[in-house]
Amino acid sequence: MSGYCSSCKMMVQEKYLIKGKCPMCGKPIVIEQLKLAKRKTIKYDILVVYLDKTTKQECSVTYTDVSAYNYQRIEQAKNVVSITKLNREV
């Protein structure tokens, strides 16, 4: 974590503070805790029908807890015939 000293106009890391004060000018610096935004992750259960490379027959597989990123990658695969989203959305 770091804080900003307005008189020195510089960022000071918490480990360099001396009793909560700027090491250069001695002015108190408040270290603010940054709140990270929690991302909502959407995961799907999907049924993928694809063409087997060796037998050239349609096969199916069910994937659970697929993220949006992996869903897009599966859609772009060359041998995929169809993708069906199942009812459950996590």
Protein backbone atom coordinates (compact mmCIF):
# COMPACT_ATOMS: atom_id res chain seq x y z
CA MET A 1 0.00 0.00 0.00
CA SER A 2 1.12 3.53 -0.59
CA GLY A 3 0.01 7.03 0.29
CA TYR A 4 0.42 10.42 -1.34
CA CYS A 5 2.22 13.29 0.37
CA SER A 6 0.63 16.52 -0.87
CA SER A 7 3.47 18.78 0.29
CA CYS A 8 6.27 16.69 -1.29
CA LYS A 9 4.02 15.65 -4.19
CA MET A 10 5.21 12.07 -4.17
CA MET A 11 3.90 8.60 -3.47
CA VAL A 12 5.32 6.96 -0.36
CA GLN A 13 5.09 3.25 0.31
CA GLU A 14 3.76 2.21 3.68
CA LYS A 15 7.02 0.50 4.68
CA TYR A 16 8.91 3.80 4.35
CA LEU A 17 6.60 5.84 6.59
CA ILE A 18 7.99 6.89 9.95
CA LYS A 19 5.20 6.60 12.51
CA GLY A 20 2.65 7.36 9.80
CA LYS A 21 4.50 10.43 8.56
CA CYS A 22 6.32 11.30 5.33
CA PRO A 23 10.07 10.50 5.60
CA MET A 24 10.96 13.72 3.69
CA CYS A 25 8.82 16.44 5.33
CA GLY A 26 7.24 14.76 8.38
CA LYS A 27 3.66 15.51 7.33
CA PRO A 28 1.10 12.81 8.31
CA ILE A 29 0.01 10.57 5.43
CA VAL A 30 -3.21 8.60 5.40
CA ILE A 31 -2.98 5.22 3.70
CA GLU A 32 -6.28 4.48 1.98
CA GLN A 33 -7.36 0.93 1.51
CA LEU A 34 -8.36 0.36 -2.09
CA LYS A 35 -11.58 -1.55 -2.52
CA LEU A 36 -11.38 -3.83 -5.49
CA ALA A 37 -14.58 -4.31 -7.41
CA LYS A 38 -15.79 -7.86 -7.25
CA ARG A 39 -16.45 -9.20 -10.70
CA LYS A 40 -19.55 -11.19 -11.31
CA THR A 41 -18.55 -14.43 -12.93
CA ILE A 42 -21.09 -16.14 -15.10
CA LYS A 43 -20.63 -19.83 -15.64
CA TYR A 44 -22.71 -22.11 -17.82
CA ASP A 45 -23.47 -25.76 -18.23
CA ILE A 46 -23.30 -26.56 -21.94
CA LEU A 47 -23.83 -29.51 -24.25
CA VAL A 48 -21.39 -29.55 -27.18
CA VAL A 49 -21.93 -31.63 -30.30
CA TYR A 50 -18.80 -32.05 -32.38
CA LEU A 51 -17.44 -34.06 -35.28
CA ASP A 52 -14.91 -36.68 -34.27
CA LYS A 53 -11.74 -36.23 -36.32
CA THR A 54 -11.04 -39.92 -36.93
CA THR A 55 -14.50 -41.49 -37.29
CA LYS A 56 -16.26 -38.39 -38.74
CA GLN A 57 -19.27 -39.15 -36.51
CA GLU A 58 -21.11 -36.66 -34.33
CA CYS A 59 -20.31 -37.00 -30.64
CA SER A 60 -21.54 -35.03 -27.67
CA VAL A 61 -20.03 -33.96 -24.37
CA THR A 62 -21.41 -31.97 -21.43
CA TYR A 63 -19.24 -29.32 -19.78
CA THR A 64 -20.11 -27.84 -16.39
CA ASP A 65 -19.08 -24.47 -14.94
CA VAL A 66 -17.79 -23.04 -18.21
CA SER A 67 -16.71 -19.39 -18.01
CA ALA A 68 -17.67 -16.86 -20.67
CA TYR A 69 -14.08 -16.84 -21.98
CA ASN A 70 -13.95 -20.63 -22.39
CA TYR A 71 -17.45 -20.61 -23.92
CA GLN A 72 -16.18 -18.30 -26.68
CA ARG A 73 -13.15 -20.51 -27.26
CA ILE A 74 -15.37 -23.60 -27.61
CA GLU A 75 -17.60 -21.73 -30.09
CA GLN A 76 -14.58 -20.95 -32.27
CA ALA A 77 -13.37 -24.55 -32.46
CA LYS A 78 -13.43 -25.95 -36.02
CA ASN A 79 -15.05 -29.31 -35.35
CA VAL A 80 -17.98 -28.04 -33.22
CA VAL A 81 -21.39 -28.67 -34.80
CA SER A 82 -23.62 -27.06 -32.15
CA ILE A 83 -23.59 -25.73 -28.59
CA THR A 84 -26.64 -25.83 -26.33
CA LYS A 85 -26.81 -23.97 -23.04
CA LEU A 86 -28.46 -26.09 -20.40
CA ASN A 87 -30.98 -24.67 -17.91
CA ARG A 88 -28.65 -24.10 -15.00
CA GLU A 89 -26.73 -20.82 -14.91
CA VAL A 90 -24.32 -20.48 -11.98
